[in-house]
Amino acid sequence: MSNDLIKGKVWKYGDNINTDIISPPAYMELSISEAAKYAMSPIDPDFGKAFKEGDLLVAENNFGSGSSRETAPLTLRHLGVRVIIAKSFARIFYRNAINLGILALESQEAGKISQDDVLEIDYKAGIIKNITRDERYTCTIMPDHIMTIIDAGGLVTYLKAKKKTQ
């Protein structure tokens, strides 16, 4: 993320959004690009068609619970999800998101954010500004070594680039 500020429109969801919601099992045999059209479809049939790169995904507690399959963050990444804000993440989903270059920020104030709000995130300072509501919230600050992986576009890209420099 070359710019420290990220601005976008919110897609908001609640608690316990599990991997079967994010990436429904009925579409697992499809390619990631085809399966991505059905991301979040059990609770929002429009998400996979209408989410635009630069939009922001916001949820509440336990985002990404369920199986450890990588298809959930892969379909989100394919749609252009680069930032997810939640009160908390399931551990395996959190790590899979980072490994795919998705910035996963925890904010205990995510419940104050609503659908279609416009946010400006200063992830290095740990500040989320809700432009729509003229409010500020705090979020986690990612350690530099994690941001290096995210900035590279994910762990595989990071490791390939590192190997070339050795």
N, C-alpha and C. Protein backbone atom coordinates (compact mmCIF):
# COMPACT_ATOMS: atom_id res chain seq x y z
N MET A 1 0.86 -1.16 0.00
CA MET A 1 0.00 0.00 0.00
C MET A 1 0.91 1.22 0.00
N SER A 2 1.14 1.73 -1.16
CA SER A 2 2.11 2.81 -1.29
C SER A 2 1.66 4.10 -0.62
N ASN A 3 0.34 4.32 -0.55
CA ASN A 3 -0.18 5.52 0.10
C ASN A 3 -0.63 5.13 1.51
N ASP A 4 -0.27 5.94 2.50
CA ASP A 4 -0.64 5.63 3.87
C ASP A 4 -2.14 5.81 4.13
N LEU A 5 -2.83 6.55 3.26
CA LEU A 5 -4.26 6.78 3.42
C LEU A 5 -5.05 5.95 2.41
N ILE A 6 -6.07 5.28 2.89
CA ILE A 6 -6.94 4.48 2.05
C ILE A 6 -8.35 5.04 2.23
N LYS A 7 -9.01 5.30 1.13
CA LYS A 7 -10.35 5.87 1.19
C LYS A 7 -11.29 5.00 0.39
N GLY A 8 -12.47 4.75 0.94
CA GLY A 8 -13.43 3.94 0.20
C GLY A 8 -14.79 3.88 0.84
N LYS A 9 -15.73 3.33 0.07
CA LYS A 9 -17.12 3.14 0.51
C LYS A 9 -17.25 1.80 1.22
N VAL A 10 -18.05 1.76 2.24
CA VAL A 10 -18.19 0.58 3.11
C VAL A 10 -19.28 -0.38 2.62
N TRP A 11 -18.93 -1.66 2.68
CA TRP A 11 -19.87 -2.78 2.62
C TRP A 11 -19.85 -3.36 4.02
N LYS A 12 -20.97 -3.31 4.74
CA LYS A 12 -20.98 -3.64 6.17
C LYS A 12 -21.76 -4.92 6.46
N TYR A 13 -21.19 -5.75 7.32
CA TYR A 13 -21.80 -7.01 7.75
C TYR A 13 -21.62 -7.16 9.25
N GLY A 14 -22.31 -8.12 9.84
CA GLY A 14 -22.32 -8.29 11.28
C GLY A 14 -21.34 -9.32 11.79
N ASP A 15 -21.76 -10.04 12.82
CA ASP A 15 -20.93 -11.03 13.50
C ASP A 15 -20.93 -12.37 12.75
N ASN A 16 -19.86 -13.12 12.99
CA ASN A 16 -19.76 -14.53 12.57
C ASN A 16 -19.98 -14.76 11.08
N ILE A 17 -19.39 -13.92 10.27
CA ILE A 17 -19.43 -14.13 8.82
C ILE A 17 -18.38 -15.21 8.54
N ASN A 18 -18.87 -16.43 8.27
CA ASN A 18 -17.94 -17.55 8.15
C ASN A 18 -17.52 -17.79 6.70
N THR A 19 -16.59 -18.70 6.52
CA THR A 19 -16.04 -18.94 5.18
C THR A 19 -17.08 -19.54 4.23
N ASP A 20 -18.12 -20.20 4.76
CA ASP A 20 -19.19 -20.71 3.89
C ASP A 20 -20.06 -19.58 3.36
N ILE A 21 -20.11 -18.47 4.06
CA ILE A 21 -20.81 -17.28 3.57
C ILE A 21 -19.91 -16.54 2.59
N ILE A 22 -18.66 -16.36 2.96
CA ILE A 22 -17.72 -15.62 2.11
C ILE A 22 -17.53 -16.33 0.77
N SER A 23 -17.33 -17.63 0.82
CA SER A 23 -17.10 -18.43 -0.38
C SER A 23 -17.97 -19.69 -0.30
N PRO A 24 -19.22 -19.59 -0.75
CA PRO A 24 -20.16 -20.70 -0.60
C PRO A 24 -19.64 -22.01 -1.22
N PRO A 25 -19.75 -23.12 -0.48
CA PRO A 25 -19.23 -24.40 -0.95
C PRO A 25 -19.82 -24.87 -2.29
N ALA A 26 -21.02 -24.44 -2.61
CA ALA A 26 -21.66 -24.85 -3.86
C ALA A 26 -20.87 -24.39 -5.10
N TYR A 27 -19.99 -23.41 -4.93
CA TYR A 27 -19.25 -22.85 -6.06
C TYR A 27 -17.75 -23.16 -6.01
N MET A 28 -17.35 -24.05 -5.11
CA MET A 28 -15.93 -24.35 -4.93
C MET A 28 -15.28 -25.01 -6.15
N GLU A 29 -16.06 -25.68 -6.97
CA GLU A 29 -15.49 -26.35 -8.15
C GLU A 29 -15.21 -25.36 -9.28
N LEU A 30 -15.74 -24.14 -9.17
CA LEU A 30 -15.52 -23.12 -10.19
C LEU A 30 -14.13 -22.51 -10.04
N SER A 31 -13.67 -21.85 -11.07
CA SER A 31 -12.43 -21.08 -10.96
C SER A 31 -12.66 -19.95 -9.95
N ILE A 32 -11.59 -19.41 -9.42
CA ILE A 32 -11.72 -18.32 -8.44
C ILE A 32 -12.46 -17.14 -9.07
N SER A 33 -12.18 -16.83 -10.32
CA SER A 33 -12.86 -15.69 -10.96
C SER A 33 -14.36 -15.93 -11.08
N GLU A 34 -14.77 -17.16 -11.35
CA GLU A 34 -16.20 -17.49 -11.43
C GLU A 34 -16.81 -17.55 -10.03
N ALA A 35 -16.12 -18.18 -9.10
CA ALA A 35 -16.63 -18.33 -7.73
C ALA A 35 -16.78 -16.97 -7.05
N ALA A 36 -15.92 -16.02 -7.40
CA ALA A 36 -15.95 -14.70 -6.78
C ALA A 36 -17.30 -14.00 -7.00
N LYS A 37 -17.97 -14.31 -8.08
CA LYS A 37 -19.28 -13.70 -8.37
C LYS A 37 -20.31 -14.05 -7.30
N TYR A 38 -20.05 -15.13 -6.57
CA TYR A 38 -20.99 -15.60 -5.55
C TYR A 38 -20.52 -15.32 -4.13
N ALA A 39 -19.41 -14.57 -3.99
CA ALA A 39 -18.90 -14.23 -2.66
C ALA A 39 -19.98 -13.51 -1.86
N MET A 40 -20.16 -13.91 -0.63
CA MET A 40 -21.11 -13.32 0.31
C MET A 40 -22.58 -13.51 -0.11
N SER A 41 -22.84 -14.28 -1.16
CA SER A 41 -24.20 -14.39 -1.70
C SER A 41 -25.24 -14.94 -0.72
N PRO A 42 -24.88 -15.79 0.25
CA PRO A 42 -25.93 -16.22 1.19
C PRO A 42 -26.56 -15.08 1.99
N ILE A 43 -25.82 -13.97 2.17
CA ILE A 43 -26.38 -12.84 2.92
C ILE A 43 -26.50 -11.57 2.07
N ASP A 44 -25.82 -11.54 0.93
CA ASP A 44 -25.87 -10.35 0.07
C ASP A 44 -25.61 -10.77 -1.39
N PRO A 45 -26.67 -11.09 -2.12
CA PRO A 45 -26.51 -11.56 -3.50
C PRO A 45 -25.85 -10.54 -4.44
N ASP A 46 -25.83 -9.27 -4.06
CA ASP A 46 -25.26 -8.22 -4.92
C ASP A 46 -23.76 -8.03 -4.72
N PHE A 47 -23.22 -8.50 -3.61
CA PHE A 47 -21.82 -8.21 -3.26
C PHE A 47 -20.85 -8.59 -4.38
N GLY A 48 -20.92 -9.82 -4.87
CA GLY A 48 -19.97 -10.29 -5.87
C GLY A 48 -20.07 -9.57 -7.20
N LYS A 49 -21.21 -8.97 -7.48
CA LYS A 49 -21.42 -8.25 -8.74
C LYS A 49 -21.13 -6.77 -8.59
N ALA A 50 -21.38 -6.21 -7.41
CA ALA A 50 -21.34 -4.76 -7.25
C ALA A 50 -20.13 -4.22 -6.49
N PHE A 51 -19.41 -5.08 -5.75
CA PHE A 51 -18.23 -4.61 -5.02
C PHE A 51 -17.22 -4.08 -6.03
N LYS A 52 -16.67 -2.90 -5.77
CA LYS A 52 -15.68 -2.30 -6.67
C LYS A 52 -14.34 -2.20 -5.95
N GLU A 53 -13.28 -2.43 -6.70
CA GLU A 53 -11.96 -2.27 -6.12
C GLU A 53 -11.85 -0.88 -5.50
N GLY A 54 -11.38 -0.83 -4.29
CA GLY A 54 -11.31 0.43 -3.55
C GLY A 54 -12.39 0.54 -2.50
N ASP A 55 -13.48 -0.25 -2.65
CA ASP A 55 -14.48 -0.32 -1.60
C ASP A 55 -13.87 -1.03 -0.40
N LEU A 56 -14.51 -0.88 0.75
CA LEU A 56 -13.99 -1.45 1.99
C LEU A 56 -14.99 -2.43 2.58
N LEU A 57 -14.49 -3.55 3.07
CA LEU A 57 -15.32 -4.56 3.71
C LEU A 57 -15.18 -4.38 5.22
N VAL A 58 -16.33 -4.21 5.91
CA VAL A 58 -16.33 -4.00 7.35
C VAL A 58 -17.29 -5.02 7.97
N ALA A 59 -16.86 -5.64 9.05
CA ALA A 59 -17.70 -6.61 9.76
C ALA A 59 -17.50 -6.40 11.26
N GLU A 60 -18.16 -7.25 12.02
CA GLU A 60 -18.04 -7.11 13.46
C GLU A 60 -17.19 -8.25 14.02
N ASN A 61 -17.72 -9.08 14.90
CA ASN A 61 -16.90 -10.10 15.56
C ASN A 61 -16.73 -11.36 14.73
N ASN A 62 -15.53 -11.95 14.83
CA ASN A 62 -15.25 -13.30 14.33
C ASN A 62 -15.39 -13.43 12.81
N PHE A 63 -14.90 -12.46 12.07
CA PHE A 63 -14.98 -12.52 10.61
C PHE A 63 -14.07 -13.64 10.09
N GLY A 64 -14.61 -14.49 9.22
CA GLY A 64 -13.82 -15.55 8.59
C GLY A 64 -13.76 -16.84 9.37
N SER A 65 -14.66 -17.04 10.30
CA SER A 65 -14.66 -18.30 11.05
C SER A 65 -15.05 -19.45 10.12
N GLY A 66 -14.83 -20.65 10.57
CA GLY A 66 -15.18 -21.82 9.77
C GLY A 66 -13.95 -22.54 9.28
N SER A 67 -14.00 -22.99 8.06
CA SER A 67 -12.90 -23.80 7.54
C SER A 67 -11.66 -22.96 7.27
N SER A 68 -10.57 -23.63 7.07
CA SER A 68 -9.31 -22.93 6.80
C SER A 68 -9.02 -22.80 5.31
N ARG A 69 -9.98 -23.16 4.49
CA ARG A 69 -9.72 -23.10 3.05
C ARG A 69 -9.42 -21.68 2.60
N GLU A 70 -8.50 -21.59 1.69
CA GLU A 70 -8.02 -20.30 1.22
C GLU A 70 -8.96 -19.65 0.21
N THR A 71 -9.97 -20.38 -0.27
CA THR A 71 -10.86 -19.82 -1.30
C THR A 71 -11.60 -18.58 -0.80
N ALA A 72 -11.91 -18.50 0.49
CA ALA A 72 -12.63 -17.34 1.00
C ALA A 72 -11.83 -16.04 0.77
N PRO A 73 -10.61 -15.91 1.28
CA PRO A 73 -9.88 -14.68 0.99
C PRO A 73 -9.47 -14.56 -0.49
N LEU A 74 -9.29 -15.68 -1.17
CA LEU A 74 -8.96 -15.61 -2.60
C LEU A 74 -10.08 -14.97 -3.42
N THR A 75 -11.33 -15.37 -3.14
CA THR A 75 -12.45 -14.78 -3.88
C THR A 75 -12.57 -13.29 -3.56
N LEU A 76 -12.37 -12.93 -2.29
CA LEU A 76 -12.42 -11.52 -1.93
C LEU A 76 -11.33 -10.73 -2.63
N ARG A 77 -10.13 -11.28 -2.64
CA ARG A 77 -9.02 -10.59 -3.32
C ARG A 77 -9.31 -10.42 -4.80
N HIS A 78 -9.86 -11.46 -5.42
CA HIS A 78 -10.19 -11.39 -6.84
C HIS A 78 -11.18 -10.25 -7.13
N LEU A 79 -12.10 -10.01 -6.20
CA LEU A 79 -13.08 -8.93 -6.37
C LEU A 79 -12.48 -7.55 -6.14
N GLY A 80 -11.28 -7.50 -5.59
CA GLY A 80 -10.64 -6.22 -5.33
C GLY A 80 -10.64 -5.80 -3.88
N VAL A 81 -11.02 -6.72 -2.97
CA VAL A 81 -10.95 -6.40 -1.55
C VAL A 81 -9.48 -6.30 -1.15
N ARG A 82 -9.08 -5.14 -0.69
CA ARG A 82 -7.70 -4.94 -0.25
C ARG A 82 -7.63 -4.64 1.23
N VAL A 83 -8.79 -4.25 1.83
CA VAL A 83 -8.85 -3.92 3.25
C VAL A 83 -10.12 -4.51 3.84
N ILE A 84 -9.97 -5.16 4.99
CA ILE A 84 -11.11 -5.63 5.77
C ILE A 84 -10.93 -5.09 7.18
N ILE A 85 -11.97 -4.48 7.71
CA ILE A 85 -11.97 -3.99 9.08
C ILE A 85 -13.00 -4.81 9.84
N ALA A 86 -12.63 -5.33 10.99
CA ALA A 86 -13.56 -6.08 11.83
C ALA A 86 -13.17 -5.92 13.29
N LYS A 87 -14.13 -6.18 14.17
CA LYS A 87 -13.81 -6.17 15.60
C LYS A 87 -12.82 -7.30 15.90
N SER A 88 -13.03 -8.45 15.24
CA SER A 88 -12.10 -9.57 15.42
C SER A 88 -12.19 -10.49 14.21
N PHE A 89 -11.12 -11.24 13.98
CA PHE A 89 -11.02 -12.18 12.87
C PHE A 89 -10.76 -13.58 13.40
N ALA A 90 -11.25 -14.57 12.68
CA ALA A 90 -10.83 -15.94 12.95
C ALA A 90 -9.35 -16.01 12.60
N ARG A 91 -8.58 -16.69 13.44
CA ARG A 91 -7.12 -16.69 13.31
C ARG A 91 -6.63 -17.15 11.94
N ILE A 92 -7.14 -18.26 11.45
CA ILE A 92 -6.65 -18.80 10.17
C ILE A 92 -7.03 -17.88 9.01
N PHE A 93 -8.25 -17.35 9.02
CA PHE A 93 -8.65 -16.42 7.96
C PHE A 93 -7.74 -15.19 7.98
N TYR A 94 -7.47 -14.68 9.15
CA TYR A 94 -6.62 -13.50 9.31
C TYR A 94 -5.26 -13.72 8.64
N ARG A 95 -4.66 -14.86 8.93
CA ARG A 95 -3.35 -15.14 8.35
C ARG A 95 -3.44 -15.39 6.85
N ASN A 96 -4.48 -16.09 6.40
CA ASN A 96 -4.66 -16.29 4.96
C ASN A 96 -4.84 -14.96 4.24
N ALA A 97 -5.58 -14.04 4.84
CA ALA A 97 -5.78 -12.72 4.23
C ALA A 97 -4.44 -12.01 4.06
N ILE A 98 -3.64 -11.98 5.10
CA ILE A 98 -2.33 -11.34 5.02
C ILE A 98 -1.47 -12.02 3.96
N ASN A 99 -1.48 -13.35 3.95
CA ASN A 99 -0.69 -14.09 2.96
C ASN A 99 -1.10 -13.77 1.53
N LEU A 100 -2.32 -13.28 1.34
CA LEU A 100 -2.80 -12.90 0.01
C LEU A 100 -2.72 -11.39 -0.23
N GLY A 101 -2.16 -10.67 0.72
CA GLY A 101 -1.96 -9.23 0.53
C GLY A 101 -3.17 -8.38 0.91
N ILE A 102 -4.07 -8.93 1.72
CA ILE A 102 -5.23 -8.17 2.19
C ILE A 102 -4.92 -7.61 3.58
N LEU A 103 -5.11 -6.31 3.73
CA LEU A 103 -4.88 -5.65 5.01
C LEU A 103 -6.08 -5.92 5.91
N ALA A 104 -5.88 -6.66 6.99
CA ALA A 104 -6.94 -7.02 7.93
C ALA A 104 -6.74 -6.22 9.22
N LEU A 105 -7.57 -5.23 9.41
CA LEU A 105 -7.43 -4.33 10.56
C LEU A 105 -8.51 -4.60 11.59
N GLU A 106 -8.11 -4.70 12.84
CA GLU A 106 -9.07 -4.87 13.92
C GLU A 106 -9.40 -3.51 14.53
N SER A 107 -10.70 -3.28 14.72
CA SER A 107 -11.16 -2.07 15.38
C SER A 107 -12.36 -2.43 16.24
N GLN A 108 -12.25 -2.16 17.52
CA GLN A 108 -13.36 -2.43 18.43
C GLN A 108 -14.54 -1.50 18.18
N GLU A 109 -14.32 -0.49 17.34
CA GLU A 109 -15.37 0.48 17.02
C GLU A 109 -16.03 0.20 15.67
N ALA A 110 -15.78 -0.96 15.08
CA ALA A 110 -16.35 -1.30 13.77
C ALA A 110 -17.87 -1.27 13.79
N GLY A 111 -18.48 -1.50 14.94
CA GLY A 111 -19.93 -1.47 15.06
C GLY A 111 -20.53 -0.09 14.81
N LYS A 112 -19.72 0.94 14.91
CA LYS A 112 -20.20 2.31 14.67
C LYS A 112 -20.24 2.65 13.18
N ILE A 113 -19.65 1.80 12.36
CA ILE A 113 -19.58 2.03 10.92
C ILE A 113 -20.80 1.40 10.26
N SER A 114 -21.38 2.11 9.28
CA SER A 114 -22.59 1.63 8.60
C SER A 114 -22.36 1.43 7.11
N GLN A 115 -23.25 0.65 6.51
CA GLN A 115 -23.25 0.44 5.06
C GLN A 115 -23.21 1.79 4.35
N ASP A 116 -22.37 1.88 3.33
CA ASP A 116 -22.22 3.06 2.46
C ASP A 116 -21.51 4.25 3.10
N ASP A 117 -21.09 4.15 4.37
CA ASP A 117 -20.25 5.21 4.92
C ASP A 117 -18.98 5.29 4.08
N VAL A 118 -18.37 6.44 4.05
CA VAL A 118 -17.08 6.61 3.38
C VAL A 118 -16.03 6.79 4.47
N LEU A 119 -15.01 5.95 4.41
CA LEU A 119 -13.94 5.97 5.40
C LEU A 119 -12.64 6.40 4.77
N GLU A 120 -11.79 7.01 5.59
CA GLU A 120 -10.40 7.27 5.22
C GLU A 120 -9.57 6.65 6.32
N ILE A 121 -8.70 5.72 5.93
CA ILE A 121 -7.92 4.95 6.90
C ILE A 121 -6.46 5.35 6.81
N ASP A 122 -5.91 5.75 7.94
CA ASP A 122 -4.47 5.94 8.06
C ASP A 122 -3.96 4.74 8.84
N TYR A 123 -3.62 3.68 8.12
CA TYR A 123 -3.28 2.42 8.78
C TYR A 123 -1.94 2.48 9.52
N LYS A 124 -1.08 3.41 9.15
CA LYS A 124 0.18 3.53 9.87
C LYS A 124 -0.01 4.22 11.23
N ALA A 125 -1.01 5.08 11.32
CA ALA A 125 -1.31 5.76 12.58
C ALA A 125 -2.38 5.03 13.39
N GLY A 126 -3.07 4.08 12.74
CA GLY A 126 -4.14 3.36 13.42
C GLY A 126 -5.40 4.18 13.61
N ILE A 127 -5.70 5.02 12.61
CA ILE A 127 -6.87 5.91 12.68
C ILE A 127 -7.79 5.65 11.49
N ILE A 128 -9.07 5.50 11.79
CA ILE A 128 -10.11 5.40 10.77
C ILE A 128 -10.98 6.63 10.91
N LYS A 129 -11.07 7.41 9.85
CA LYS A 129 -11.93 8.60 9.87
C LYS A 129 -13.18 8.26 9.08
N ASN A 130 -14.34 8.37 9.73
CA ASN A 130 -15.60 8.17 9.04
C ASN A 130 -16.02 9.54 8.52
N ILE A 131 -15.82 9.74 7.21
CA ILE A 131 -16.12 11.03 6.60
C ILE A 131 -17.62 11.30 6.62
N THR A 132 -18.41 10.27 6.41
CA THR A 132 -19.87 10.40 6.39
C THR A 132 -20.41 10.90 7.73
N ARG A 133 -19.88 10.37 8.81
CA ARG A 133 -20.41 10.69 10.15
C ARG A 133 -19.55 11.69 10.92
N ASP A 134 -18.42 12.09 10.32
CA ASP A 134 -17.47 12.99 10.99
C ASP A 134 -17.06 12.42 12.36
N GLU A 135 -16.62 11.15 12.33
CA GLU A 135 -16.15 10.47 13.54
C GLU A 135 -14.78 9.86 13.28
N ARG A 136 -14.07 9.57 14.36
CA ARG A 136 -12.77 8.90 14.27
C ARG A 136 -12.79 7.67 15.16
N TYR A 137 -12.14 6.61 14.69
CA TYR A 137 -12.02 5.37 15.43
C TYR A 137 -10.56 4.92 15.40
N THR A 138 -10.22 4.05 16.31
CA THR A 138 -8.87 3.50 16.30
C THR A 138 -8.90 2.09 15.71
N CYS A 139 -7.77 1.70 15.16
CA CYS A 139 -7.60 0.34 14.66
C CYS A 139 -6.17 -0.10 14.94
N THR A 140 -5.94 -1.39 14.75
CA THR A 140 -4.59 -1.92 14.97
C THR A 140 -3.61 -1.29 13.99
N ILE A 141 -2.38 -1.24 14.42
CA ILE A 141 -1.30 -0.81 13.54
C ILE A 141 -0.51 -2.07 13.20
N MET A 142 -0.41 -2.37 11.92
CA MET A 142 0.30 -3.57 11.49
C MET A 142 1.80 -3.39 11.66
N PRO A 143 2.47 -4.41 12.16
CA PRO A 143 3.93 -4.35 12.26
C PRO A 143 4.55 -4.23 10.86
N ASP A 144 5.71 -3.63 10.80
CA ASP A 144 6.39 -3.41 9.52
C ASP A 144 6.60 -4.70 8.73
N HIS A 145 6.96 -5.80 9.41
CA HIS A 145 7.23 -7.04 8.67
C HIS A 145 5.96 -7.59 8.02
N ILE A 146 4.80 -7.35 8.62
CA ILE A 146 3.53 -7.78 8.01
C ILE A 146 3.19 -6.85 6.85
N MET A 147 3.40 -5.55 7.03
CA MET A 147 3.12 -4.60 5.95
C MET A 147 4.02 -4.86 4.74
N THR A 148 5.21 -5.37 4.96
CA THR A 148 6.08 -5.72 3.84
C THR A 148 5.44 -6.81 2.99
N ILE A 149 4.83 -7.79 3.62
CA ILE A 149 4.14 -8.87 2.89
C ILE A 149 2.92 -8.31 2.16
N ILE A 150 2.12 -7.49 2.84
CA ILE A 150 0.93 -6.90 2.23
C ILE A 150 1.32 -6.01 1.06
N ASP A 151 2.34 -5.16 1.25
CA ASP A 151 2.79 -4.27 0.18
C ASP A 151 3.29 -5.03 -1.04
N ALA A 152 3.84 -6.21 -0.82
CA ALA A 152 4.34 -7.03 -1.94
C ALA A 152 3.20 -7.69 -2.71
N GLY A 153 1.99 -7.67 -2.13
CA GLY A 153 0.86 -8.33 -2.78
C GLY A 153 0.62 -9.72 -2.25
N GLY A 154 1.29 -10.07 -1.17
CA GLY A 154 1.10 -11.38 -0.54
C GLY A 154 2.42 -12.08 -0.30
N LEU A 155 2.33 -13.19 0.42
CA LEU A 155 3.53 -13.92 0.84
C LEU A 155 4.30 -14.53 -0.33
N VAL A 156 3.60 -15.12 -1.29
CA VAL A 156 4.29 -15.76 -2.42
C VAL A 156 5.05 -14.72 -3.23
N THR A 157 4.41 -13.60 -3.52
CA THR A 157 5.07 -12.53 -4.28
C THR A 157 6.26 -11.99 -3.50
N TYR A 158 6.08 -11.82 -2.20
CA TYR A 158 7.16 -11.34 -1.34
C TYR A 158 8.36 -12.29 -1.37
N LEU A 159 8.10 -13.59 -1.25
CA LEU A 159 9.18 -14.57 -1.23
C LEU A 159 9.89 -14.67 -2.58
N LYS A 160 9.13 -14.57 -3.67
CA LYS A 160 9.75 -14.59 -5.01
C LYS A 160 10.66 -13.39 -5.19
N ALA A 161 10.22 -12.23 -4.77
CA ALA A 161 11.03 -11.02 -4.88
C ALA A 161 12.26 -11.11 -4.00
N LYS A 162 12.10 -11.65 -2.82
CA LYS A 162 13.24 -11.81 -1.91
C LYS A 162 14.27 -12.78 -2.48
N LYS A 163 13.79 -13.85 -3.10
CA LYS A 163 14.69 -14.84 -3.68
C LYS A 163 15.52 -14.23 -4.82
N LYS A 164 14.90 -13.35 -5.61
CA LYS A 164 15.61 -12.70 -6.73
C LYS A 164 16.74 -11.80 -6.25
N THR A 165 16.58 -11.23 -5.04
CA THR A 165 17.61 -10.31 -4.54
C THR A 165 18.74 -11.04 -3.82
N GLN A 166 18.59 -12.35 -3.63
CA GLN A 166 19.64 -13.09 -2.94
C GLN A 166 20.67 -13.64 -3.89
